[in-house]
Amino acid sequence: MRGNAAEIFVGLEVPRHRITPTTRFRSTWLVASQNALRDCGFFDRYSELLPTAHREALLTTVVGMWLPSDVVVAHYTACDRLGLTSAERDAIARALVRPGTSTLFSVTGHLARQVGVTPWTPLAHLRRLWERLCDGGAVVVYKEGPKEVRVELLGLTLAHIPYFRSTLRELALAVGKLFCSTLYVKEIYDEAQPTTLTFRGSWV
């Protein structure tokens, strides 16, 4: 498919100009992130970095709630201030996808146990996952080759936070490696488009 237009694998349900920014996130997303911080020994430092305005909301959040975007931004800003290394972020990503750790990616483990699956299998579920976790924004997936993908996250009000971007990349690697032997993922972010985040992936 090189040299040709990319094939839309998971398309948009509305034109790009009608996509609204994310205004709320499901607390499942945030609680899973906090649990991973706790498992990796970073939760106490994280708690100290929370802003007063959102501290109570973040420390009393339970699964099943919708949280305003500014609360979730405060969570990931505090995570960013931890200054974690790539290896530490990788440990957090692995904690997120470990069986029994979170319901977020339980479907991933089930899919990975099926015969003949490839990274295209979980990618086909991205819109459904997005709609479970986000209110607003959108995700589109392009097939750029038999083993090459481009994923665009649009209207994402967390995209400007470096910790969020890097941890999401590590998470994509951790999930993808359940479906292939070797995976490469590149993050693409342009400050001129602060709510857009793109990942390019390839695998063998």
N, C-alpha and C. Protein backbone atom coordinates (compact mmCIF):
# COMPACT_ATOMS: atom_id res chain seq x y z
N MET A 1 0.81 -1.20 0.00
CA MET A 1 0.00 0.00 0.00
C MET A 1 0.85 1.26 0.00
N ARG A 2 2.16 1.12 0.04
CA ARG A 2 3.05 2.27 0.01
C ARG A 2 2.83 3.08 -1.27
N GLY A 3 2.83 4.40 -1.10
CA GLY A 3 2.66 5.26 -2.25
C GLY A 3 1.21 5.51 -2.60
N ASN A 4 0.28 4.78 -2.00
CA ASN A 4 -1.13 4.96 -2.26
C ASN A 4 -1.78 5.64 -1.05
N ALA A 5 -2.99 6.11 -1.26
CA ALA A 5 -3.73 6.72 -0.16
C ALA A 5 -4.02 5.67 0.89
N ALA A 6 -3.94 6.07 2.16
CA ALA A 6 -4.21 5.15 3.25
C ALA A 6 -5.68 4.75 3.23
N GLU A 7 -5.92 3.53 3.64
CA GLU A 7 -7.29 3.01 3.73
C GLU A 7 -7.86 3.31 5.11
N ILE A 8 -9.09 3.81 5.13
CA ILE A 8 -9.75 4.07 6.42
C ILE A 8 -10.16 2.73 7.02
N PHE A 9 -9.63 2.44 8.21
CA PHE A 9 -9.93 1.19 8.90
C PHE A 9 -11.04 1.39 9.94
N VAL A 10 -10.96 2.46 10.69
CA VAL A 10 -12.04 2.88 11.60
C VAL A 10 -12.28 4.34 11.30
N GLY A 11 -13.45 4.63 10.72
CA GLY A 11 -13.72 5.99 10.26
C GLY A 11 -14.43 6.86 11.27
N LEU A 12 -14.56 8.13 10.91
CA LEU A 12 -15.27 9.10 11.74
C LEU A 12 -16.77 9.01 11.47
N GLU A 13 -17.55 9.27 12.50
CA GLU A 13 -19.00 9.25 12.34
C GLU A 13 -19.54 10.63 11.97
N VAL A 14 -18.72 11.68 12.16
CA VAL A 14 -19.09 13.05 11.77
C VAL A 14 -17.91 13.67 11.06
N PRO A 15 -18.11 14.70 10.23
CA PRO A 15 -16.98 15.39 9.60
C PRO A 15 -16.05 15.98 10.66
N ARG A 16 -14.78 16.14 10.30
CA ARG A 16 -13.80 16.66 11.25
C ARG A 16 -14.20 18.01 11.84
N HIS A 17 -14.78 18.87 11.03
CA HIS A 17 -15.09 20.21 11.52
C HIS A 17 -16.22 20.20 12.54
N ARG A 18 -16.91 19.08 12.67
CA ARG A 18 -18.01 19.00 13.64
C ARG A 18 -17.60 18.25 14.91
N ILE A 19 -16.34 17.83 15.00
CA ILE A 19 -15.88 17.13 16.21
C ILE A 19 -15.71 18.14 17.34
N THR A 20 -16.33 17.86 18.47
CA THR A 20 -16.23 18.73 19.64
C THR A 20 -15.15 18.22 20.59
N PRO A 21 -14.50 19.09 21.37
CA PRO A 21 -13.47 18.63 22.30
C PRO A 21 -14.05 17.73 23.39
N THR A 22 -13.23 16.90 23.95
CA THR A 22 -13.65 16.06 25.07
C THR A 22 -13.96 16.96 26.27
N THR A 23 -15.13 16.73 26.85
CA THR A 23 -15.54 17.53 28.02
C THR A 23 -15.59 16.69 29.29
N ARG A 24 -15.71 15.36 29.15
CA ARG A 24 -15.76 14.48 30.31
C ARG A 24 -15.03 13.18 29.99
N PHE A 25 -14.52 12.54 31.03
CA PHE A 25 -13.89 11.23 30.89
C PHE A 25 -14.46 10.29 31.94
N ARG A 26 -14.61 9.05 31.54
CA ARG A 26 -15.09 8.04 32.49
C ARG A 26 -14.04 7.82 33.56
N SER A 27 -14.47 7.75 34.81
CA SER A 27 -13.51 7.61 35.92
C SER A 27 -12.76 6.29 35.87
N THR A 28 -13.26 5.31 35.13
CA THR A 28 -12.54 4.04 34.96
C THR A 28 -11.13 4.30 34.46
N TRP A 29 -11.01 5.25 33.55
CA TRP A 29 -9.73 5.66 32.96
C TRP A 29 -8.80 6.17 34.06
N LEU A 30 -9.31 7.09 34.90
CA LEU A 30 -8.48 7.71 35.92
C LEU A 30 -8.14 6.75 37.06
N VAL A 31 -9.13 5.97 37.51
CA VAL A 31 -8.88 5.03 38.61
C VAL A 31 -7.83 4.00 38.20
N ALA A 32 -7.90 3.52 36.96
CA ALA A 32 -6.89 2.57 36.48
C ALA A 32 -5.50 3.21 36.51
N SER A 33 -5.43 4.47 36.11
CA SER A 33 -4.15 5.19 36.13
C SER A 33 -3.64 5.32 37.56
N GLN A 34 -4.51 5.68 38.50
CA GLN A 34 -4.11 5.81 39.90
C GLN A 34 -3.66 4.47 40.48
N ASN A 35 -4.38 3.40 40.13
CA ASN A 35 -4.00 2.08 40.63
C ASN A 35 -2.61 1.68 40.14
N ALA A 36 -2.32 2.03 38.88
CA ALA A 36 -1.00 1.72 38.34
C ALA A 36 0.08 2.52 39.06
N LEU A 37 -0.21 3.79 39.37
CA LEU A 37 0.74 4.60 40.14
C LEU A 37 0.98 3.98 41.51
N ARG A 38 -0.09 3.51 42.12
CA ARG A 38 0.01 2.89 43.44
C ARG A 38 0.84 1.61 43.37
N ASP A 39 0.56 0.77 42.37
CA ASP A 39 1.28 -0.49 42.22
C ASP A 39 2.77 -0.28 41.99
N CYS A 40 3.11 0.83 41.34
CA CYS A 40 4.51 1.10 41.01
C CYS A 40 5.21 1.99 42.04
N GLY A 41 4.50 2.33 43.13
CA GLY A 41 5.12 3.06 44.21
C GLY A 41 5.19 4.57 44.06
N PHE A 42 4.36 5.15 43.19
CA PHE A 42 4.42 6.60 42.94
C PHE A 42 3.22 7.36 43.50
N PHE A 43 2.29 6.66 44.13
CA PHE A 43 1.02 7.31 44.48
C PHE A 43 1.19 8.40 45.53
N ASP A 44 2.02 8.20 46.54
CA ASP A 44 2.19 9.21 47.59
C ASP A 44 2.75 10.51 47.02
N ARG A 45 3.76 10.40 46.16
CA ARG A 45 4.32 11.59 45.52
C ARG A 45 3.27 12.27 44.64
N TYR A 46 2.52 11.47 43.91
CA TYR A 46 1.44 11.99 43.06
C TYR A 46 0.43 12.77 43.90
N SER A 47 0.02 12.21 45.03
CA SER A 47 -0.98 12.85 45.88
C SER A 47 -0.51 14.22 46.35
N GLU A 48 0.77 14.34 46.65
CA GLU A 48 1.32 15.60 47.12
C GLU A 48 1.31 16.68 46.04
N LEU A 49 1.29 16.26 44.79
CA LEU A 49 1.36 17.20 43.68
C LEU A 49 -0.01 17.65 43.17
N LEU A 50 -1.08 17.10 43.74
CA LEU A 50 -2.42 17.44 43.27
C LEU A 50 -2.78 18.88 43.68
N PRO A 51 -3.42 19.62 42.79
CA PRO A 51 -3.84 20.99 43.14
C PRO A 51 -4.99 20.95 44.15
N THR A 52 -5.02 21.92 45.02
CA THR A 52 -6.05 21.96 46.07
C THR A 52 -7.46 21.92 45.50
N ALA A 53 -7.68 22.61 44.40
CA ALA A 53 -9.03 22.71 43.81
C ALA A 53 -9.60 21.36 43.40
N HIS A 54 -8.73 20.41 43.03
CA HIS A 54 -9.22 19.13 42.53
C HIS A 54 -8.78 17.95 43.39
N ARG A 55 -8.09 18.23 44.48
CA ARG A 55 -7.51 17.16 45.30
C ARG A 55 -8.58 16.19 45.82
N GLU A 56 -9.63 16.72 46.43
CA GLU A 56 -10.65 15.85 47.00
C GLU A 56 -11.32 15.01 45.92
N ALA A 57 -11.67 15.64 44.80
CA ALA A 57 -12.34 14.91 43.71
C ALA A 57 -11.47 13.78 43.21
N LEU A 58 -10.16 14.02 43.09
CA LEU A 58 -9.27 13.00 42.54
C LEU A 58 -8.99 11.88 43.54
N LEU A 59 -8.97 12.19 44.83
CA LEU A 59 -8.66 11.17 45.83
C LEU A 59 -9.88 10.39 46.29
N THR A 60 -11.07 10.80 45.86
CA THR A 60 -12.29 10.08 46.25
C THR A 60 -13.02 9.50 45.05
N THR A 61 -12.41 9.57 43.89
CA THR A 61 -13.04 9.06 42.67
C THR A 61 -13.18 7.54 42.72
N VAL A 62 -14.32 7.05 42.26
CA VAL A 62 -14.54 5.60 42.16
C VAL A 62 -14.93 5.28 40.72
N VAL A 63 -14.85 4.02 40.38
CA VAL A 63 -15.19 3.57 39.02
C VAL A 63 -16.68 3.82 38.75
N GLY A 64 -16.98 4.24 37.53
CA GLY A 64 -18.37 4.39 37.11
C GLY A 64 -18.87 5.81 37.05
N MET A 65 -18.02 6.80 37.35
CA MET A 65 -18.41 8.20 37.31
C MET A 65 -17.93 8.85 36.01
N TRP A 66 -18.56 9.96 35.67
CA TRP A 66 -18.03 10.85 34.63
C TRP A 66 -17.35 12.02 35.32
N LEU A 67 -16.13 12.33 34.91
CA LEU A 67 -15.36 13.42 35.50
C LEU A 67 -15.15 14.53 34.49
N PRO A 68 -15.28 15.79 34.91
CA PRO A 68 -15.04 16.91 33.99
C PRO A 68 -13.60 16.89 33.49
N SER A 69 -13.40 17.42 32.31
CA SER A 69 -12.08 17.41 31.69
C SER A 69 -11.03 18.09 32.57
N ASP A 70 -11.41 19.19 33.26
CA ASP A 70 -10.40 19.91 34.05
C ASP A 70 -9.89 19.08 35.22
N VAL A 71 -10.72 18.20 35.76
CA VAL A 71 -10.29 17.31 36.84
C VAL A 71 -9.27 16.30 36.31
N VAL A 72 -9.56 15.74 35.15
CA VAL A 72 -8.66 14.73 34.58
C VAL A 72 -7.37 15.39 34.10
N VAL A 73 -7.46 16.60 33.59
CA VAL A 73 -6.25 17.35 33.23
C VAL A 73 -5.38 17.55 34.47
N ALA A 74 -6.00 17.86 35.61
CA ALA A 74 -5.25 18.04 36.86
C ALA A 74 -4.54 16.75 37.26
N HIS A 75 -5.20 15.61 37.05
CA HIS A 75 -4.58 14.31 37.35
C HIS A 75 -3.32 14.10 36.52
N TYR A 76 -3.44 14.28 35.20
CA TYR A 76 -2.30 14.00 34.33
C TYR A 76 -1.21 15.07 34.45
N THR A 77 -1.59 16.29 34.83
CA THR A 77 -0.58 17.32 35.08
C THR A 77 0.26 16.95 36.30
N ALA A 78 -0.40 16.43 37.34
CA ALA A 78 0.33 15.97 38.52
C ALA A 78 1.24 14.81 38.16
N CYS A 79 0.75 13.89 37.34
CA CYS A 79 1.58 12.77 36.88
C CYS A 79 2.80 13.28 36.12
N ASP A 80 2.57 14.29 35.29
CA ASP A 80 3.67 14.85 34.50
C ASP A 80 4.74 15.45 35.41
N ARG A 81 4.32 16.05 36.50
CA ARG A 81 5.25 16.68 37.43
C ARG A 81 6.07 15.66 38.22
N LEU A 82 5.67 14.39 38.18
CA LEU A 82 6.48 13.35 38.82
C LEU A 82 7.84 13.20 38.16
N GLY A 83 7.92 13.56 36.88
CA GLY A 83 9.19 13.47 36.15
C GLY A 83 9.69 12.05 35.99
N LEU A 84 8.79 11.12 35.69
CA LEU A 84 9.17 9.72 35.59
C LEU A 84 10.01 9.45 34.34
N THR A 85 10.86 8.44 34.44
CA THR A 85 11.67 8.02 33.31
C THR A 85 10.84 7.18 32.35
N SER A 86 11.38 6.93 31.18
CA SER A 86 10.70 6.07 30.21
C SER A 86 10.47 4.68 30.78
N ALA A 87 11.45 4.16 31.51
CA ALA A 87 11.31 2.82 32.11
C ALA A 87 10.21 2.81 33.15
N GLU A 88 10.07 3.89 33.91
CA GLU A 88 9.02 3.96 34.93
C GLU A 88 7.64 4.08 34.29
N ARG A 89 7.55 4.83 33.20
CA ARG A 89 6.27 4.93 32.48
C ARG A 89 5.91 3.59 31.86
N ASP A 90 6.92 2.87 31.38
CA ASP A 90 6.69 1.55 30.82
C ASP A 90 6.14 0.61 31.89
N ALA A 91 6.67 0.70 33.10
CA ALA A 91 6.18 -0.14 34.20
C ALA A 91 4.72 0.17 34.50
N ILE A 92 4.35 1.46 34.44
CA ILE A 92 2.96 1.85 34.67
C ILE A 92 2.06 1.29 33.57
N ALA A 93 2.51 1.36 32.32
CA ALA A 93 1.73 0.81 31.21
C ALA A 93 1.51 -0.69 31.37
N ARG A 94 2.57 -1.40 31.79
CA ARG A 94 2.45 -2.84 31.98
C ARG A 94 1.51 -3.17 33.14
N ALA A 95 1.50 -2.31 34.17
CA ALA A 95 0.58 -2.50 35.29
C ALA A 95 -0.86 -2.33 34.83
N LEU A 96 -1.08 -1.41 33.90
CA LEU A 96 -2.44 -1.16 33.39
C LEU A 96 -3.00 -2.36 32.63
N VAL A 97 -2.17 -3.07 31.90
CA VAL A 97 -2.67 -4.17 31.07
C VAL A 97 -2.50 -5.53 31.73
N ARG A 98 -1.93 -5.57 32.94
CA ARG A 98 -1.76 -6.84 33.62
C ARG A 98 -3.12 -7.44 33.95
N PRO A 99 -3.34 -8.72 33.70
CA PRO A 99 -4.64 -9.35 33.98
C PRO A 99 -5.07 -9.12 35.43
N GLY A 100 -6.33 -8.73 35.59
CA GLY A 100 -6.88 -8.54 36.91
C GLY A 100 -6.63 -7.16 37.50
N THR A 101 -5.80 -6.34 36.84
CA THR A 101 -5.48 -5.02 37.37
C THR A 101 -6.59 -4.02 37.08
N SER A 102 -7.15 -4.10 35.87
CA SER A 102 -8.14 -3.11 35.47
C SER A 102 -9.12 -3.74 34.49
N THR A 103 -10.38 -3.29 34.57
CA THR A 103 -11.38 -3.74 33.60
C THR A 103 -11.22 -3.00 32.28
N LEU A 104 -10.38 -1.97 32.27
CA LEU A 104 -10.20 -1.17 31.07
C LEU A 104 -9.84 -2.01 29.86
N PHE A 105 -8.90 -2.92 30.04
CA PHE A 105 -8.37 -3.67 28.91
C PHE A 105 -8.64 -5.17 29.03
N SER A 106 -9.71 -5.51 29.76
CA SER A 106 -10.05 -6.92 29.90
C SER A 106 -10.37 -7.56 28.55
N VAL A 107 -11.00 -6.78 27.66
CA VAL A 107 -11.32 -7.31 26.34
C VAL A 107 -10.05 -7.62 25.56
N THR A 108 -8.97 -6.87 25.83
CA THR A 108 -7.71 -7.08 25.13
C THR A 108 -7.14 -8.45 25.43
N GLY A 109 -7.13 -8.82 26.71
CA GLY A 109 -6.62 -10.13 27.08
C GLY A 109 -7.43 -11.25 26.47
N HIS A 110 -8.74 -11.06 26.40
CA HIS A 110 -9.61 -12.07 25.78
C HIS A 110 -9.29 -12.21 24.30
N LEU A 111 -9.13 -11.08 23.61
CA LEU A 111 -8.83 -11.12 22.17
C LEU A 111 -7.48 -11.76 21.91
N ALA A 112 -6.49 -11.47 22.78
CA ALA A 112 -5.13 -11.97 22.57
C ALA A 112 -5.07 -13.50 22.67
N ARG A 113 -6.03 -14.10 23.35
CA ARG A 113 -6.03 -15.56 23.51
C ARG A 113 -6.67 -16.27 22.33
N GLN A 114 -7.26 -15.52 21.41
CA GLN A 114 -7.89 -16.13 20.25
C GLN A 114 -6.85 -16.47 19.18
N VAL A 115 -7.18 -17.45 18.38
CA VAL A 115 -6.25 -17.92 17.35
C VAL A 115 -6.28 -16.98 16.15
N GLY A 116 -5.09 -16.64 15.63
CA GLY A 116 -4.99 -15.88 14.39
C GLY A 116 -5.20 -14.39 14.51
N VAL A 117 -5.16 -13.86 15.74
CA VAL A 117 -5.35 -12.42 15.89
C VAL A 117 -4.07 -11.66 15.53
N THR A 118 -4.22 -10.42 15.13
CA THR A 118 -3.12 -9.52 14.81
C THR A 118 -3.42 -8.18 15.49
N PRO A 119 -2.52 -7.22 15.44
CA PRO A 119 -2.84 -5.89 16.00
C PRO A 119 -4.08 -5.24 15.40
N TRP A 120 -4.47 -5.66 14.20
CA TRP A 120 -5.70 -5.11 13.63
C TRP A 120 -6.92 -5.49 14.46
N THR A 121 -6.85 -6.58 15.19
CA THR A 121 -7.99 -7.03 15.98
C THR A 121 -8.35 -6.04 17.08
N PRO A 122 -7.41 -5.64 17.97
CA PRO A 122 -7.80 -4.63 18.96
C PRO A 122 -8.05 -3.25 18.35
N LEU A 123 -7.35 -2.93 17.25
CA LEU A 123 -7.56 -1.63 16.62
C LEU A 123 -9.00 -1.47 16.13
N ALA A 124 -9.62 -2.56 15.75
CA ALA A 124 -11.00 -2.50 15.29
C ALA A 124 -11.96 -2.10 16.40
N HIS A 125 -11.53 -2.22 17.65
CA HIS A 125 -12.38 -1.90 18.80
C HIS A 125 -12.13 -0.50 19.37
N LEU A 126 -11.26 0.30 18.73
CA LEU A 126 -10.87 1.57 19.31
C LEU A 126 -12.03 2.55 19.46
N ARG A 127 -12.91 2.61 18.48
CA ARG A 127 -14.02 3.56 18.60
C ARG A 127 -14.90 3.18 19.79
N ARG A 128 -15.18 1.90 19.94
CA ARG A 128 -16.01 1.46 21.06
C ARG A 128 -15.35 1.80 22.40
N LEU A 129 -14.03 1.59 22.50
CA LEU A 129 -13.32 1.92 23.72
C LEU A 129 -13.37 3.43 23.97
N TRP A 130 -13.15 4.22 22.91
CA TRP A 130 -13.18 5.67 23.03
C TRP A 130 -14.53 6.13 23.57
N GLU A 131 -15.62 5.61 23.01
CA GLU A 131 -16.95 6.04 23.40
C GLU A 131 -17.30 5.62 24.82
N ARG A 132 -16.67 4.55 25.31
CA ARG A 132 -16.86 4.14 26.70
C ARG A 132 -16.16 5.08 27.66
N LEU A 133 -15.06 5.70 27.22
CA LEU A 133 -14.20 6.45 28.13
C LEU A 133 -14.28 7.96 27.98
N CYS A 134 -14.71 8.44 26.81
CA CYS A 134 -14.66 9.87 26.52
C CYS A 134 -16.01 10.40 26.08
N ASP A 135 -16.32 11.62 26.50
CA ASP A 135 -17.49 12.33 26.00
C ASP A 135 -16.97 13.47 25.14
N GLY A 136 -17.12 13.33 23.83
CA GLY A 136 -16.56 14.28 22.89
C GLY A 136 -15.31 13.73 22.24
N GLY A 137 -14.78 14.47 21.26
CA GLY A 137 -13.60 14.00 20.55
C GLY A 137 -13.94 12.82 19.64
N ALA A 138 -12.92 12.24 19.03
CA ALA A 138 -13.13 11.13 18.12
C ALA A 138 -11.80 10.45 17.84
N VAL A 139 -11.88 9.22 17.33
CA VAL A 139 -10.69 8.48 16.93
C VAL A 139 -10.90 7.98 15.51
N VAL A 140 -9.83 8.04 14.71
CA VAL A 140 -9.86 7.51 13.35
C VAL A 140 -8.59 6.69 13.14
N VAL A 141 -8.75 5.55 12.46
CA VAL A 141 -7.63 4.63 12.24
C VAL A 141 -7.45 4.44 10.75
N TYR A 142 -6.20 4.62 10.27
CA TYR A 142 -5.88 4.44 8.86
C TYR A 142 -4.95 3.24 8.69
N LYS A 143 -5.26 2.42 7.73
CA LYS A 143 -4.39 1.30 7.37
C LYS A 143 -3.45 1.78 6.27
N GLU A 144 -2.16 1.96 6.63
CA GLU A 144 -1.19 2.49 5.68
C GLU A 144 -0.38 1.39 5.01
N GLY A 145 -0.58 0.18 5.41
CA GLY A 145 0.09 -0.98 4.85
C GLY A 145 -0.41 -2.21 5.57
N PRO A 146 -0.05 -3.41 5.11
CA PRO A 146 -0.52 -4.64 5.76
C PRO A 146 -0.18 -4.68 7.25
N LYS A 147 0.94 -4.05 7.64
CA LYS A 147 1.34 -4.03 9.04
C LYS A 147 1.75 -2.63 9.47
N GLU A 148 1.06 -1.64 8.94
CA GLU A 148 1.34 -0.24 9.26
C GLU A 148 0.03 0.50 9.52
N VAL A 149 0.00 1.25 10.62
CA VAL A 149 -1.24 1.92 11.02
C VAL A 149 -0.95 3.35 11.45
N ARG A 150 -1.94 4.22 11.23
CA ARG A 150 -1.90 5.57 11.77
C ARG A 150 -3.19 5.80 12.55
N VAL A 151 -3.05 6.16 13.81
CA VAL A 151 -4.21 6.42 14.67
C VAL A 151 -4.21 7.89 15.04
N GLU A 152 -5.32 8.58 14.78
CA GLU A 152 -5.46 9.98 15.13
C GLU A 152 -6.52 10.13 16.21
N LEU A 153 -6.15 10.79 17.30
CA LEU A 153 -7.07 11.10 18.39
C LEU A 153 -7.39 12.58 18.27
N LEU A 154 -8.65 12.90 18.07
CA LEU A 154 -9.07 14.26 17.74
C LEU A 154 -9.92 14.86 18.85
N GLY A 155 -9.73 16.15 19.08
CA GLY A 155 -10.50 16.83 20.10
C GLY A 155 -10.15 16.39 21.51
N LEU A 156 -8.95 15.86 21.70
CA LEU A 156 -8.53 15.29 22.98
C LEU A 156 -7.91 16.37 23.86
N THR A 157 -8.59 16.75 24.93
CA THR A 157 -8.13 17.85 25.77
C THR A 157 -6.99 17.45 26.72
N LEU A 158 -6.51 16.23 26.62
CA LEU A 158 -5.35 15.79 27.39
C LEU A 158 -4.09 15.75 26.54
N ALA A 159 -4.22 15.97 25.25
CA ALA A 159 -3.11 15.74 24.32
C ALA A 159 -1.90 16.63 24.59
N HIS A 160 -2.10 17.78 25.21
CA HIS A 160 -0.98 18.71 25.42
C HIS A 160 -0.08 18.30 26.58
N ILE A 161 -0.45 17.29 27.35
CA ILE A 161 0.31 16.90 28.54
C ILE A 161 1.34 15.84 28.17
N PRO A 162 2.63 16.12 28.29
CA PRO A 162 3.67 15.16 27.87
C PRO A 162 3.53 13.79 28.54
N TYR A 163 3.23 13.75 29.83
CA TYR A 163 3.09 12.47 30.52
C TYR A 163 1.99 11.64 29.88
N PHE A 164 0.86 12.28 29.60
CA PHE A 164 -0.24 11.54 28.99
C PHE A 164 0.17 10.96 27.65
N ARG A 165 0.84 11.77 26.82
CA ARG A 165 1.23 11.30 25.49
C ARG A 165 2.21 10.13 25.59
N SER A 166 3.22 10.28 26.42
CA SER A 166 4.26 9.24 26.50
C SER A 166 3.72 7.96 27.13
N THR A 167 2.87 8.10 28.15
CA THR A 167 2.32 6.92 28.79
C THR A 167 1.34 6.20 27.86
N LEU A 168 0.58 6.98 27.07
CA LEU A 168 -0.32 6.35 26.11
C LEU A 168 0.47 5.58 25.06
N ARG A 169 1.62 6.12 24.66
CA ARG A 169 2.49 5.39 23.72
C ARG A 169 2.99 4.09 24.35
N GLU A 170 3.44 4.17 25.60
CA GLU A 170 3.90 2.95 26.28
C GLU A 170 2.77 1.95 26.42
N LEU A 171 1.56 2.45 26.66
CA LEU A 171 0.40 1.57 26.78
C LEU A 171 0.09 0.90 25.45
N ALA A 172 0.17 1.67 24.36
CA ALA A 172 -0.05 1.10 23.03
C ALA A 172 0.96 -0.01 22.75
N LEU A 173 2.21 0.20 23.15
CA LEU A 173 3.23 -0.83 22.98
C LEU A 173 2.92 -2.06 23.80
N ALA A 174 2.51 -1.85 25.06
CA ALA A 174 2.22 -2.99 25.94
C ALA A 174 1.05 -3.81 25.42
N VAL A 175 0.00 -3.14 24.93
CA VAL A 175 -1.15 -3.85 24.38
C VAL A 175 -0.79 -4.52 23.06
N GLY A 176 -0.13 -3.77 22.18
CA GLY A 176 0.20 -4.30 20.86
C GLY A 176 1.08 -5.53 20.89
N LYS A 177 1.98 -5.59 21.87
CA LYS A 177 2.91 -6.72 21.95
C LYS A 177 2.22 -8.00 22.36
N LEU A 178 0.96 -7.91 22.77
CA LEU A 178 0.18 -9.13 23.03
C LEU A 178 -0.24 -9.80 21.72
N PHE A 179 -0.11 -9.05 20.60
CA PHE A 179 -0.64 -9.51 19.33
C PHE A 179 0.42 -9.69 18.24
N CYS A 180 1.69 -9.37 18.55
CA CYS A 180 2.75 -9.53 17.56
C CYS A 180 4.08 -9.68 18.28
N SER A 181 5.10 -10.09 17.56
CA SER A 181 6.40 -10.32 18.19
C SER A 181 7.18 -9.03 18.40
N THR A 182 7.09 -8.09 17.46
CA THR A 182 7.81 -6.82 17.55
C THR A 182 6.90 -5.69 17.08
N LEU A 183 6.86 -4.61 17.86
CA LEU A 183 6.00 -3.49 17.54
C LEU A 183 6.77 -2.18 17.70
N TYR A 184 6.57 -1.26 16.75
CA TYR A 184 7.16 0.07 16.83
C TYR A 184 6.02 1.09 16.84
N VAL A 185 6.09 2.05 17.75
CA VAL A 185 5.06 3.09 17.84
C VAL A 185 5.74 4.45 17.96
N LYS A 186 5.35 5.38 17.08
CA LYS A 186 5.89 6.74 17.10
C LYS A 186 4.78 7.72 17.43
N GLU A 187 5.04 8.60 18.37
CA GLU A 187 4.10 9.65 18.76
C GLU A 187 4.34 10.89 17.91
N ILE A 188 3.27 11.51 17.43
CA ILE A 188 3.37 12.75 16.65
C ILE A 188 2.44 13.78 17.28
N TYR A 189 3.02 14.89 17.72
CA TYR A 189 2.22 15.94 18.35
C TYR A 189 2.70 17.30 17.85
N ASP A 190 1.75 18.15 17.49
CA ASP A 190 2.04 19.49 17.00
C ASP A 190 1.36 20.50 17.92
N GLU A 191 2.13 21.37 18.56
CA GLU A 191 1.57 22.34 19.49
C GLU A 191 0.56 23.27 18.82
N ALA A 192 0.64 23.39 17.51
CA ALA A 192 -0.33 24.22 16.79
C ALA A 192 -1.71 23.57 16.75
N GLN A 193 -1.76 22.26 17.03
CA GLN A 193 -3.03 21.53 17.11
C GLN A 193 -3.08 20.82 18.47
N PRO A 194 -3.31 21.57 19.55
CA PRO A 194 -3.13 21.05 20.91
C PRO A 194 -4.08 19.95 21.34
N THR A 195 -5.16 19.72 20.60
CA THR A 195 -6.09 18.65 20.98
C THR A 195 -6.04 17.48 20.00
N THR A 196 -4.98 17.41 19.21
CA THR A 196 -4.81 16.30 18.26
C THR A 196 -3.54 15.53 18.61
N LEU A 197 -3.66 14.22 18.67
CA LEU A 197 -2.53 13.35 18.95
C LEU A 197 -2.55 12.19 17.97
N THR A 198 -1.39 11.97 17.33
CA THR A 198 -1.29 10.91 16.31
C THR A 198 -0.23 9.91 16.70
N PHE A 199 -0.52 8.63 16.43
CA PHE A 199 0.47 7.57 16.61
C PHE A 199 0.59 6.80 15.30
N ARG A 200 1.82 6.52 14.92
CA ARG A 200 2.07 5.63 13.78
C ARG A 200 2.68 4.35 14.33
N GLY A 201 2.20 3.22 13.85
CA GLY A 201 2.69 1.95 14.33
C GLY A 201 3.02 1.00 13.18
N SER A 202 3.98 0.12 13.42
CA SER A 202 4.30 -0.95 12.47
C SER A 202 4.75 -2.14 13.28
N TRP A 203 4.60 -3.32 12.71
CA TRP A 203 4.92 -4.54 13.46
C TRP A 203 5.36 -5.67 12.55
N VAL A 204 5.98 -6.66 13.19
CA VAL A 204 6.38 -7.88 12.50
C VAL A 204 5.97 -9.06 13.35
